[in-house]
Amino acid sequence: MMKQVIGDAITVRFFMPSPELAPYFTTFYLTEVKVSETDEVEDWLHPEWANIRFAQNPNMRAAVGDEPLRAAPRMIATGPTSLAGHFVSGPFRTWGIGIQPLGWSRFCNGPAADLVDRFCDGTDCAAFAAFAPLLDEIYAGIPDPAGEAARIDAFLLALLKQRPPADDEARIHTAHTALVDQEVGSVSELAGRLGMSSRSLERLSLRAFGFSPKLLLRRQRFLRSLAQFMLDPSLTWISTLDWQYVDQAHFVRDFKRFMGMSPSRYAALDHPVLRAAARARAAAAGAAVQALHRP
C-alpha cells in the first residue's frame, strides 16, 4: 500500500570522502525509510553519474526509463544515466556511493558507455567488481552511520592504492570542470577548453562519462533547472529555467526527454525521498543533485 511519508520517517545523511578520494567520489550517503511493513514509498531519481547502493534489507523494486519495475539486488550498481530512475520500496536502509567520471576511469572496468541507463547486480557485474567486498564490510556490527561511513572511506582508500591512475586523468578532470561551468554551452566550447578535436572529445566522453558531449551539456542544463525546484517546490518552472533555455517549451522538451513525463506531472507527484536528499545534499556538499557536484 503506497503511503505518503514525511517528517522523521525518512532520513538521508551525506558524508564527504577523504581528500584523497574526493576527485573520484562525490559523497557517501545513507538513506533510511521507516514505514510499516505494509506501506511503501515511491519516487523518481533524476539523471546522475554512476552510483552503487548497498541495501541492508533489500525489498526494493526499481527501473530506469520506461522499463518495468523489477526486484533490485542487495548491491545495486547503476551506470551513468540520462533517464529517470523509478523505485518503490517498503522500509529500507541503504548506503550509496556516488562515482565521479574520474572515479569510473580509475575504479570501474570498461567504458562507461557500456553501462548507461541501466542497473545490474554489482556482485555479478565486471564493471563494479572492485566494490563487491564492501557489501559485507559496511554492515559489520550494529547500525552506526559514522562508523559505517568510516569503513567505506577506509575500504576505498585501500583500493585507491591498488588501482593505477587512468592515463587521461588530467583531461577527464578538465572536461568535468567545464561541464559543471554553466557558461559552457556548446561542444565546440567544451572541446576548446580541452584543446581537443570534437572526435577526440567524443571518444573521451563515451569512455569516462558515458554519453556524447552534446547530451551531457543538455543534461547539465536540465539538472541546473530541476535542482532549483527540488530545493524550493514553491517556485514556478519558468523561474527555475537555466539561462541557456530559449523558452519554456525548450525546457519542457528536455524534461520529457530526461524524466519521461511532463513538468506538471512531476510537480504533482510526491517526492519524499528525493526532496529530503536534495536538501541534505545541498547542505553537506553544496549541490542539490549529484551531477552538479564540482570535481
C-alpha atoms as a PDB file:
ATOM      1  CA  MET A   1       0.000   0.000   0.000  1.00  0.00           C
ATOM      2  CA  MET A   2       1.505   3.314  -1.048  1.00  0.00           C
ATOM      3  CA  LYS A   3       1.738   5.871   1.678  1.00  0.00           C
ATOM      4  CA  GLN A   4       2.938   9.448   1.724  1.00  0.00           C
ATOM      5  CA  VAL A   5       5.679   9.736   4.337  1.00  0.00           C
ATOM      6  CA  ILE A   6       7.006  12.929   5.863  1.00  0.00           C
ATOM      7  CA  GLY A   7       8.982  14.139   8.817  1.00  0.00           C
ATOM      8  CA  ASP A   8      11.093  11.611  10.725  1.00  0.00           C
ATOM      9  CA  ALA A   9      10.021   8.674   8.554  1.00  0.00           C
ATOM     10  CA  ILE A  10      12.778   9.474   6.021  1.00  0.00           C
ATOM     11  CA  THR A  11      16.348  10.358   6.864  1.00  0.00           C
ATOM     12  CA  VAL A  12      19.132  10.996   4.358  1.00  0.00           C
ATOM     13  CA  ARG A  13      22.660  11.644   5.628  1.00  0.00           C
ATOM     14  CA  PHE A  14      25.626  12.636   3.454  1.00  0.00           C
ATOM     15  CA  PHE A  15      29.276  12.083   4.301  1.00  0.00           C
ATOM     16  CA  MET A  16      32.206  13.535   2.390  1.00  0.00           C
ATOM     17  CA  PRO A  17      35.086  11.244   1.368  1.00  0.00           C
ATOM     18  CA  SER A  18      38.686  11.801   2.434  1.00  0.00           C
ATOM     19  CA  PRO A  19      40.545  14.425   0.363  1.00  0.00           C
ATOM     20  CA  GLU A  20      42.472  11.708  -1.482  1.00  0.00           C
ATOM     21  CA  LEU A  21      39.156  10.209  -2.648  1.00  0.00           C
ATOM     22  CA  ALA A  22      37.356  13.473  -3.460  1.00  0.00           C
ATOM     23  CA  PRO A  23      38.395  13.536  -7.149  1.00  0.00           C
ATOM     24  CA  TYR A  24      36.839  10.102  -7.620  1.00  0.00           C
ATOM     25  CA  PHE A  25      33.715  10.002  -5.461  1.00  0.00           C
ATOM     26  CA  THR A  26      31.095  12.649  -4.756  1.00  0.00           C
ATOM     27  CA  THR A  27      29.612  11.571  -1.418  1.00  0.00           C
ATOM     28  CA  PHE A  28      28.688   8.572   0.688  1.00  0.00           C
ATOM     29  CA  TYR A  29      25.014   8.686   1.645  1.00  0.00           C
ATOM     30  CA  LEU A  30      22.779   6.749   3.967  1.00  0.00           C
ATOM     31  CA  THR A  31      19.041   6.591   3.247  1.00  0.00           C
ATOM     32  CA  GLU A  32      16.678   5.247   5.880  1.00  0.00           C
ATOM     33  CA  VAL A  33      12.949   4.896   5.313  1.00  0.00           C
ATOM     34  CA  LYS A  34      10.981   3.856   8.382  1.00  0.00           C
ATOM     35  CA  VAL A  35       7.481   2.849   7.425  1.00  0.00           C
ATOM     36  CA  SER A  36       5.463  -0.200   8.395  1.00  0.00           C
ATOM     37  CA  GLU A  37       5.997  -3.466   6.571  1.00  0.00           C
ATOM     38  CA  THR A  38       2.677  -2.961   4.776  1.00  0.00           C
ATOM     39  CA  ASP A  39       3.482   0.524   3.475  1.00  0.00           C
ATOM     40  CA  GLU A  40       5.625   1.583   0.533  1.00  0.00           C
ATOM     41  CA  VAL A  41       7.265   4.752  -0.725  1.00  0.00           C
ATOM     42  CA  GLU A  42       7.693   5.683  -4.373  1.00  0.00           C
ATOM     43  CA  ASP A  43       9.975   8.215  -6.020  1.00  0.00           C
ATOM     44  CA  TRP A  44      11.811   9.101  -9.231  1.00  0.00           C
ATOM     45  CA  LEU A  45      15.574   9.661  -9.449  1.00  0.00           C
ATOM     46  CA  HIS A  46      16.903  12.322 -11.772  1.00  0.00           C
ATOM     47  CA  PRO A  47      19.747  11.516 -14.211  1.00  0.00           C
ATOM     48  CA  GLU A  48      23.127  11.246 -12.472  1.00  0.00           C
ATOM     49  CA  TRP A  49      26.630   9.814 -12.606  1.00  0.00           C
ATOM     50  CA  ALA A  50      27.245   6.189 -11.691  1.00  0.00           C
ATOM     51  CA  ASN A  51      26.225   5.010  -8.230  1.00  0.00           C
ATOM     52  CA  ILE A  52      26.485   1.904  -6.102  1.00  0.00           C
ATOM     53  CA  ARG A  53      23.883   1.290  -3.415  1.00  0.00           C
ATOM     54  CA  PHE A  54      24.262  -1.369  -0.740  1.00  0.00           C
ATOM     55  CA  ALA A  55      20.943  -2.428   0.790  1.00  0.00           C
ATOM     56  CA  GLN A  56      20.911  -3.778   4.318  1.00  0.00           C
ATOM     57  CA  ASN A  57      17.381  -5.112   3.854  1.00  0.00           C
ATOM     58  CA  PRO A  58      16.649  -5.425   0.119  1.00  0.00           C
ATOM     59  CA  ASN A  59      12.944  -5.066  -0.625  1.00  0.00           C
ATOM     60  CA  MET A  60      13.033  -2.533  -3.450  1.00  0.00           C
ATOM     61  CA  ARG A  61      11.689  -2.724  -6.981  1.00  0.00           C
ATOM     62  CA  ALA A  62      13.408  -0.407  -9.421  1.00  0.00           C
ATOM     63  CA  ALA A  63      13.653   0.569 -13.078  1.00  0.00           C
ATOM     64  CA  VAL A  64      15.465   3.018 -15.342  1.00  0.00           C
ATOM     65  CA  GLY A  65      13.475   4.815 -18.005  1.00  0.00           C
ATOM     66  CA  ASP A  66      10.326   3.066 -19.176  1.00  0.00           C
ATOM     67  CA  GLU A  67      11.384  -0.481 -18.293  1.00  0.00           C
ATOM     68  CA  PRO A  68       9.091  -2.352 -15.871  1.00  0.00           C
ATOM     69  CA  LEU A  69       9.896  -2.397 -12.177  1.00  0.00           C
ATOM     70  CA  ARG A  70      11.893  -5.424 -11.085  1.00  0.00           C
ATOM     71  CA  ALA A  71      13.368  -6.662  -7.843  1.00  0.00           C
ATOM     72  CA  ALA A  72      16.604  -4.849  -7.051  1.00  0.00           C
ATOM     73  CA  PRO A  73      19.630  -6.773  -5.744  1.00  0.00           C
ATOM     74  CA  ARG A  74      21.421  -6.054  -2.460  1.00  0.00           C
ATOM     75  CA  MET A  75      24.210  -4.313  -4.384  1.00  0.00           C
ATOM     76  CA  ILE A  76      22.526  -2.075  -6.929  1.00  0.00           C
ATOM     77  CA  ALA A  77      25.154  -0.827  -9.384  1.00  0.00           C
ATOM     78  CA  THR A  78      23.978   1.813 -11.849  1.00  0.00           C
ATOM     79  CA  GLY A  79      25.914   3.319 -14.716  1.00  0.00           C
ATOM     80  CA  PRO A  80      25.615   6.987 -15.720  1.00  0.00           C
ATOM     81  CA  THR A  81      22.008   7.829 -16.531  1.00  0.00           C
ATOM     82  CA  SER A  82      20.181  10.138 -18.898  1.00  0.00           C
ATOM     83  CA  LEU A  83      16.758   8.778 -17.899  1.00  0.00           C
ATOM     84  CA  ALA A  84      14.772   8.868 -14.687  1.00  0.00           C
ATOM     85  CA  GLY A  85      15.109   6.061 -12.209  1.00  0.00           C
ATOM     86  CA  HIS A  86      11.878   4.826 -10.633  1.00  0.00           C
ATOM     87  CA  PHE A  87      11.654   2.860  -7.394  1.00  0.00           C
ATOM     88  CA  VAL A  88       9.063   1.507  -4.994  1.00  0.00           C
ATOM     89  CA  SER A  89      10.027   0.105  -1.617  1.00  0.00           C
ATOM     90  CA  GLY A  90       8.926  -0.728   1.874  1.00  0.00           C
ATOM     91  CA  PRO A  91      11.144   0.149   4.839  1.00  0.00           C
ATOM     92  CA  PHE A  92      14.817   0.149   3.904  1.00  0.00           C
ATOM     93  CA  ARG A  93      18.295   1.153   4.988  1.00  0.00           C
ATOM     94  CA  THR A  94      20.758   1.668   2.147  1.00  0.00           C
ATOM     95  CA  TRP A  95      24.262   3.113   1.765  1.00  0.00           C
ATOM     96  CA  GLY A  96      25.222   4.723  -1.530  1.00  0.00           C
ATOM     97  CA  ILE A  97      28.445   5.871  -3.163  1.00  0.00           C
ATOM     98  CA  GLY A  98      28.445   8.437  -5.966  1.00  0.00           C
ATOM     99  CA  ILE A  99      31.136   7.754  -8.567  1.00  0.00           C
ATOM    100  CA  GLN A 100      32.577  10.710 -10.456  1.00  0.00           C
ATOM    101  CA  PRO A 101      33.718  10.246 -14.090  1.00  0.00           C
ATOM    102  CA  LEU A 102      37.322  10.213 -12.870  1.00  0.00           C
ATOM    103  CA  GLY A 103      36.312   7.513 -10.394  1.00  0.00           C
ATOM    104  CA  TRP A 104      34.805   5.453 -13.181  1.00  0.00           C
ATOM    105  CA  SER A 105      38.053   5.638 -15.128  1.00  0.00           C
ATOM    106  CA  ARG A 106      40.160   4.516 -12.168  1.00  0.00           C
ATOM    107  CA  PHE A 107      37.933   2.048 -10.316  1.00  0.00           C
ATOM    108  CA  CYS A 108      35.479   0.583 -12.851  1.00  0.00           C
ATOM    109  CA  ASN A 109      36.206  -1.833 -15.675  1.00  0.00           C
ATOM    110  CA  GLY A 110      35.298  -0.959 -19.250  1.00  0.00           C
ATOM    111  CA  PRO A 111      33.853   2.153 -20.905  1.00  0.00           C
ATOM    112  CA  ALA A 112      31.097   3.984 -19.042  1.00  0.00           C
ATOM    113  CA  ALA A 113      29.039   3.923 -22.256  1.00  0.00           C
ATOM    114  CA  ASP A 114      28.602   0.160 -21.818  1.00  0.00           C
ATOM    115  CA  LEU A 115      26.557   0.597 -18.609  1.00  0.00           C
ATOM    116  CA  VAL A 116      24.498   3.727 -19.279  1.00  0.00           C
ATOM    117  CA  ASP A 117      20.816   3.861 -18.343  1.00  0.00           C
ATOM    118  CA  ARG A 118      20.675   0.515 -16.584  1.00  0.00           C
ATOM    119  CA  PHE A 119      21.391  -1.107 -13.260  1.00  0.00           C
ATOM    120  CA  CYS A 120      22.844  -4.511 -12.511  1.00  0.00           C
ATOM    121  CA  ASP A 121      23.717  -6.763  -9.606  1.00  0.00           C
ATOM    122  CA  GLY A 122      27.069  -5.316  -8.559  1.00  0.00           C
ATOM    123  CA  THR A 123      28.204  -8.669  -7.188  1.00  0.00           C
ATOM    124  CA  ASP A 124      27.926 -10.145 -10.672  1.00  0.00           C
ATOM    125  CA  CYS A 125      28.921  -7.207 -12.888  1.00  0.00           C
ATOM    126  CA  ALA A 126      32.533  -6.921 -14.049  1.00  0.00           C
ATOM    127  CA  ALA A 127      32.453  -3.129 -14.209  1.00  0.00           C
ATOM    128  CA  PHE A 128      31.894  -2.855 -10.445  1.00  0.00           C
ATOM    129  CA  ALA A 129      33.836  -5.913  -9.268  1.00  0.00           C
ATOM    130  CA  ALA A 130      36.287  -3.897  -7.161  1.00  0.00           C
ATOM    131  CA  PHE A 131      33.487  -2.677  -4.882  1.00  0.00           C
ATOM    132  CA  ALA A 132      31.748  -6.017  -4.218  1.00  0.00           C
ATOM    133  CA  PRO A 133      33.561  -6.786  -0.906  1.00  0.00           C
ATOM    134  CA  LEU A 134      32.039  -3.641   0.599  1.00  0.00           C
ATOM    135  CA  LEU A 135      28.613  -5.271   0.700  1.00  0.00           C
ATOM    136  CA  ASP A 136      29.582  -7.352   3.727  1.00  0.00           C
ATOM    137  CA  GLU A 137      32.039  -4.891   5.277  1.00  0.00           C
ATOM    138  CA  ILE A 138      29.649  -1.927   5.622  1.00  0.00           C
ATOM    139  CA  TYR A 139      27.160  -3.647   7.877  1.00  0.00           C
ATOM    140  CA  ALA A 140      29.640  -5.483  10.103  1.00  0.00           C
ATOM    141  CA  GLY A 141      28.263  -4.619  13.537  1.00  0.00           C
ATOM    142  CA  ILE A 142      25.375  -2.620  14.922  1.00  0.00           C
ATOM    143  CA  PRO A 143      23.954   0.229  12.802  1.00  0.00           C
ATOM    144  CA  ASP A 144      26.298   3.190  13.231  1.00  0.00           C
ATOM    145  CA  PRO A 145      26.261   5.821  10.443  1.00  0.00           C
ATOM    146  CA  ALA A 146      29.605   7.426  11.342  1.00  0.00           C
ATOM    147  CA  GLY A 147      31.316   4.065  11.763  1.00  0.00           C
ATOM    148  CA  GLU A 148      29.848   2.690   8.549  1.00  0.00           C
ATOM    149  CA  ALA A 149      30.935   5.793   6.613  1.00  0.00           C
ATOM    150  CA  ALA A 150      34.434   5.394   8.058  1.00  0.00           C
ATOM    151  CA  ARG A 151      34.552   1.764   6.874  1.00  0.00           C
ATOM    152  CA  ILE A 152      33.537   2.830   3.358  1.00  0.00           C
ATOM    153  CA  ASP A 153      36.229   5.509   3.355  1.00  0.00           C
ATOM    154  CA  ALA A 154      38.918   3.128   4.618  1.00  0.00           C
ATOM    155  CA  PHE A 155      37.987   0.496   2.036  1.00  0.00           C
ATOM    156  CA  LEU A 156      38.183   2.999  -0.813  1.00  0.00           C
ATOM    157  CA  LEU A 157      41.479   4.453   0.420  1.00  0.00           C
ATOM    158  CA  ALA A 158      42.974   0.957   0.387  1.00  0.00           C
ATOM    159  CA  LEU A 159      41.505   0.334  -3.065  1.00  0.00           C
ATOM    160  CA  LEU A 160      42.942   3.619  -4.315  1.00  0.00           C
ATOM    161  CA  LYS A 161      46.468   2.345  -3.628  1.00  0.00           C
ATOM    162  CA  GLN A 162      45.775  -0.758  -5.702  1.00  0.00           C
ATOM    163  CA  ARG A 163      44.380   0.987  -8.771  1.00  0.00           C
ATOM    164  CA  PRO A 164      46.756   2.960 -11.028  1.00  0.00           C
ATOM    165  CA  PRO A 165      45.573   6.354 -12.311  1.00  0.00           C
ATOM    166  CA  ALA A 166      43.983   6.486 -15.734  1.00  0.00           C
ATOM    167  CA  ASP A 167      46.272   7.756 -18.481  1.00  0.00           C
ATOM    168  CA  ASP A 168      43.998  10.710 -19.220  1.00  0.00           C
ATOM    169  CA  GLU A 169      43.030  11.767 -15.675  1.00  0.00           C
ATOM    170  CA  ALA A 170      44.004  15.401 -16.269  1.00  0.00           C
ATOM    171  CA  ARG A 171      41.797  15.673 -19.358  1.00  0.00           C
ATOM    172  CA  ILE A 172      38.861  13.959 -17.656  1.00  0.00           C
ATOM    173  CA  HIS A 173      39.121  16.390 -14.746  1.00  0.00           C
ATOM    174  CA  THR A 174      39.303  19.370 -17.116  1.00  0.00           C
ATOM    175  CA  ALA A 175      36.311  18.105 -19.099  1.00  0.00           C
ATOM    176  CA  HIS A 176      34.279  17.552 -15.923  1.00  0.00           C
ATOM    177  CA  THR A 177      35.160  21.023 -14.621  1.00  0.00           C
ATOM    178  CA  ALA A 178      33.986  22.527 -17.904  1.00  0.00           C
ATOM    179  CA  LEU A 179      30.755  20.509 -17.825  1.00  0.00           C
ATOM    180  CA  VAL A 180      29.694  21.986 -14.484  1.00  0.00           C
ATOM    181  CA  ASP A 181      30.550  25.504 -15.667  1.00  0.00           C
ATOM    182  CA  GLN A 182      27.208  26.982 -16.719  1.00  0.00           C
ATOM    183  CA  GLU A 183      28.998  29.330 -19.105  1.00  0.00           C
ATOM    184  CA  VAL A 184      29.965  26.378 -21.321  1.00  0.00           C
ATOM    185  CA  GLY A 185      27.013  25.733 -23.605  1.00  0.00           C
ATOM    186  CA  SER A 186      28.347  24.068 -26.758  1.00  0.00           C
ATOM    187  CA  VAL A 187      30.516  21.138 -27.786  1.00  0.00           C
ATOM    188  CA  SER A 188      32.929  23.497 -29.537  1.00  0.00           C
ATOM    189  CA  GLU A 189      33.386  25.476 -26.303  1.00  0.00           C
ATOM    190  CA  LEU A 190      33.941  22.262 -24.375  1.00  0.00           C
ATOM    191  CA  ALA A 191      36.479  20.998 -26.924  1.00  0.00           C
ATOM    192  CA  GLY A 192      38.218  24.366 -26.809  1.00  0.00           C
ATOM    193  CA  ARG A 193      38.636  24.131 -23.033  1.00  0.00           C
ATOM    194  CA  LEU A 194      40.455  20.825 -23.520  1.00  0.00           C
ATOM    195  CA  GLY A 195      42.360  21.724 -26.671  1.00  0.00           C
ATOM    196  CA  MET A 196      40.913  18.622 -28.349  1.00  0.00           C
ATOM    197  CA  SER A 197      39.172  17.896 -31.615  1.00  0.00           C
ATOM    198  CA  SER A 198      35.465  17.106 -31.432  1.00  0.00           C
ATOM    199  CA  ARG A 199      36.147  13.473 -32.390  1.00  0.00           C
ATOM    200  CA  SER A 200      38.745  13.017 -29.644  1.00  0.00           C
ATOM    201  CA  LEU A 201      36.405  14.626 -27.138  1.00  0.00           C
ATOM    202  CA  GLU A 202      33.612  12.264 -28.188  1.00  0.00           C
ATOM    203  CA  ARG A 203      35.807   9.215 -27.533  1.00  0.00           C
ATOM    204  CA  LEU A 204      36.915  10.541 -24.134  1.00  0.00           C
ATOM    205  CA  SER A 205      33.336  11.405 -23.219  1.00  0.00           C
ATOM    206  CA  LEU A 206      31.911   7.973 -24.026  1.00  0.00           C
ATOM    207  CA  ARG A 207      34.725   6.217 -22.186  1.00  0.00           C
ATOM    208  CA  ALA A 208      34.686   8.241 -18.935  1.00  0.00           C
ATOM    209  CA  PHE A 209      31.280   9.983 -18.864  1.00  0.00           C
ATOM    210  CA  GLY A 210      29.083   7.511 -20.729  1.00  0.00           C
ATOM    211  CA  PHE A 211      27.377   9.908 -23.128  1.00  0.00           C
ATOM    212  CA  SER A 212      28.239  12.203 -26.002  1.00  0.00           C
ATOM    213  CA  PRO A 213      29.361  15.738 -25.101  1.00  0.00           C
ATOM    214  CA  LYS A 214      26.196  17.173 -26.649  1.00  0.00           C
ATOM    215  CA  LEU A 215      23.914  15.063 -24.481  1.00  0.00           C
ATOM    216  CA  LEU A 216      25.984  15.765 -21.368  1.00  0.00           C
ATOM    217  CA  LEU A 217      25.708  19.514 -21.857  1.00  0.00           C
ATOM    218  CA  ARG A 218      21.973  19.176 -22.403  1.00  0.00           C
ATOM    219  CA  ARG A 219      21.662  17.078 -19.242  1.00  0.00           C
ATOM    220  CA  GLN A 220      23.619  19.612 -17.167  1.00  0.00           C
ATOM    221  CA  ARG A 221      21.390  22.463 -18.363  1.00  0.00           C
ATOM    222  CA  PHE A 222      18.295  20.486 -17.424  1.00  0.00           C
ATOM    223  CA  LEU A 223      19.603  19.487 -13.997  1.00  0.00           C
ATOM    224  CA  ARG A 224      20.515  23.055 -13.090  1.00  0.00           C
ATOM    225  CA  SER A 225      16.850  23.926 -13.556  1.00  0.00           C
ATOM    226  CA  LEU A 226      15.493  20.836 -11.800  1.00  0.00           C
ATOM    227  CA  ALA A 227      17.766  21.332  -8.783  1.00  0.00           C
ATOM    228  CA  GLN A 228      16.231  24.705  -8.009  1.00  0.00           C
ATOM    229  CA  PHE A 229      12.747  23.190  -7.993  1.00  0.00           C
ATOM    230  CA  MET A 230      13.859  20.307  -5.777  1.00  0.00           C
ATOM    231  CA  LEU A 231      15.103  22.764  -3.178  1.00  0.00           C
ATOM    232  CA  ASP A 232      12.040  25.020  -3.405  1.00  0.00           C
ATOM    233  CA  PRO A 233       8.917  23.399  -4.904  1.00  0.00           C
ATOM    234  CA  SER A 234       7.011  26.647  -4.453  1.00  0.00           C
ATOM    235  CA  LEU A 235       8.904  28.035  -7.445  1.00  0.00           C
ATOM    236  CA  THR A 236       7.270  28.092 -10.867  1.00  0.00           C
ATOM    237  CA  TRP A 237       9.077  26.227 -13.593  1.00  0.00           C
ATOM    238  CA  ILE A 238       9.614  29.428 -15.540  1.00  0.00           C
ATOM    239  CA  SER A 239      11.518  30.885 -12.585  1.00  0.00           C
ATOM    240  CA  THR A 240      13.879  27.900 -12.437  1.00  0.00           C
ATOM    241  CA  LEU A 241      14.907  27.931 -16.089  1.00  0.00           C
ATOM    242  CA  ASP A 242      18.616  27.933 -16.794  1.00  0.00           C
ATOM    243  CA  TRP A 243      19.771  30.879 -18.900  1.00  0.00           C
ATOM    244  CA  GLN A 244      20.634  28.555 -21.784  1.00  0.00           C
ATOM    245  CA  TYR A 245      16.954  27.731 -22.388  1.00  0.00           C
ATOM    246  CA  VAL A 246      15.455  29.862 -25.116  1.00  0.00           C
ATOM    247  CA  ASP A 247      11.909  29.450 -23.772  1.00  0.00           C
ATOM    248  CA  GLN A 248       9.733  27.227 -21.572  1.00  0.00           C
ATOM    249  CA  ALA A 249       8.828  24.912 -24.469  1.00  0.00           C
ATOM    250  CA  HIS A 250      12.532  24.178 -24.889  1.00  0.00           C
ATOM    251  CA  PHE A 251      12.714  23.173 -21.216  1.00  0.00           C
ATOM    252  CA  VAL A 252       9.565  21.021 -21.446  1.00  0.00           C
ATOM    253  CA  ARG A 253      11.102  19.021 -24.303  1.00  0.00           C
ATOM    254  CA  ASP A 254      14.187  18.375 -22.212  1.00  0.00           C
ATOM    255  CA  PHE A 255      12.100  17.472 -19.175  1.00  0.00           C
ATOM    256  CA  LYS A 256      10.188  14.814 -21.114  1.00  0.00           C
ATOM    257  CA  ARG A 257      13.452  13.501 -22.611  1.00  0.00           C
ATOM    258  CA  PHE A 258      15.184  13.056 -19.256  1.00  0.00           C
ATOM    259  CA  MET A 259      12.332  12.327 -16.837  1.00  0.00           C
ATOM    260  CA  GLY A 260       9.837  10.603 -19.132  1.00  0.00           C
ATOM    261  CA  MET A 261       6.985  12.871 -18.037  1.00  0.00           C
ATOM    262  CA  SER A 262       5.871  16.490 -18.202  1.00  0.00           C
ATOM    263  CA  PRO A 263       6.976  19.051 -15.610  1.00  0.00           C
ATOM    264  CA  SER A 264       3.392  19.412 -14.389  1.00  0.00           C
ATOM    265  CA  ARG A 265       3.033  15.680 -13.793  1.00  0.00           C
ATOM    266  CA  TYR A 266       6.361  15.566 -11.970  1.00  0.00           C
ATOM    267  CA  ALA A 267       5.384  18.506  -9.756  1.00  0.00           C
ATOM    268  CA  ALA A 268       2.100  16.811  -8.867  1.00  0.00           C
ATOM    269  CA  LEU A 269       3.859  13.672  -7.622  1.00  0.00           C
ATOM    270  CA  ASP A 270       5.153  13.269  -4.103  1.00  0.00           C
ATOM    271  CA  HIS A 271       8.947  13.092  -3.812  1.00  0.00           C
ATOM    272  CA  PRO A 272       9.503  12.002  -0.221  1.00  0.00           C
ATOM    273  CA  VAL A 273      12.999  10.560  -0.640  1.00  0.00           C
ATOM    274  CA  LEU A 274      14.442  12.837  -3.311  1.00  0.00           C
ATOM    275  CA  ARG A 275      13.219  16.022  -1.645  1.00  0.00           C
ATOM    276  CA  ALA A 276      14.927  15.047   1.598  1.00  0.00           C
ATOM    277  CA  ALA A 277      18.054  14.004  -0.290  1.00  0.00           C
ATOM    278  CA  ALA A 278      18.310  17.244  -2.284  1.00  0.00           C
ATOM    279  CA  ARG A 279      18.182  19.398   0.834  1.00  0.00           C
ATOM    280  CA  ALA A 280      20.602  17.240   2.797  1.00  0.00           C
ATOM    281  CA  ARG A 281      22.990  17.030  -0.130  1.00  0.00           C
ATOM    282  CA  ALA A 282      22.971  20.761  -0.751  1.00  0.00           C
ATOM    283  CA  ALA A 283      23.787  21.380   2.899  1.00  0.00           C
ATOM    284  CA  ALA A 284      26.590  18.806   3.028  1.00  0.00           C
ATOM    285  CA  ALA A 285      28.138  19.004  -0.434  1.00  0.00           C
ATOM    286  CA  GLY A 286      26.989  22.320  -1.900  1.00  0.00           C
ATOM    287  CA  ALA A 287      24.936  20.886  -4.780  1.00  0.00           C
ATOM    288  CA  ALA A 288      21.405  19.510  -4.632  1.00  0.00           C
ATOM    289  CA  VAL A 289      21.997  16.838  -7.275  1.00  0.00           C
ATOM    290  CA  GLN A 290      24.996  14.622  -7.867  1.00  0.00           C
ATOM    291  CA  ALA A 291      25.734  15.629 -11.478  1.00  0.00           C
ATOM    292  CA  LEU A 292      26.179  19.285 -10.411  1.00  0.00           C
ATOM    293  CA  HIS A 293      28.889  18.297  -7.893  1.00  0.00           C
ATOM    294  CA  ARG A 294      32.128  20.092  -8.724  1.00  0.00           C
ATOM    295  CA  PRO A 295      35.078  17.753  -9.340  1.00  0.00           C
END
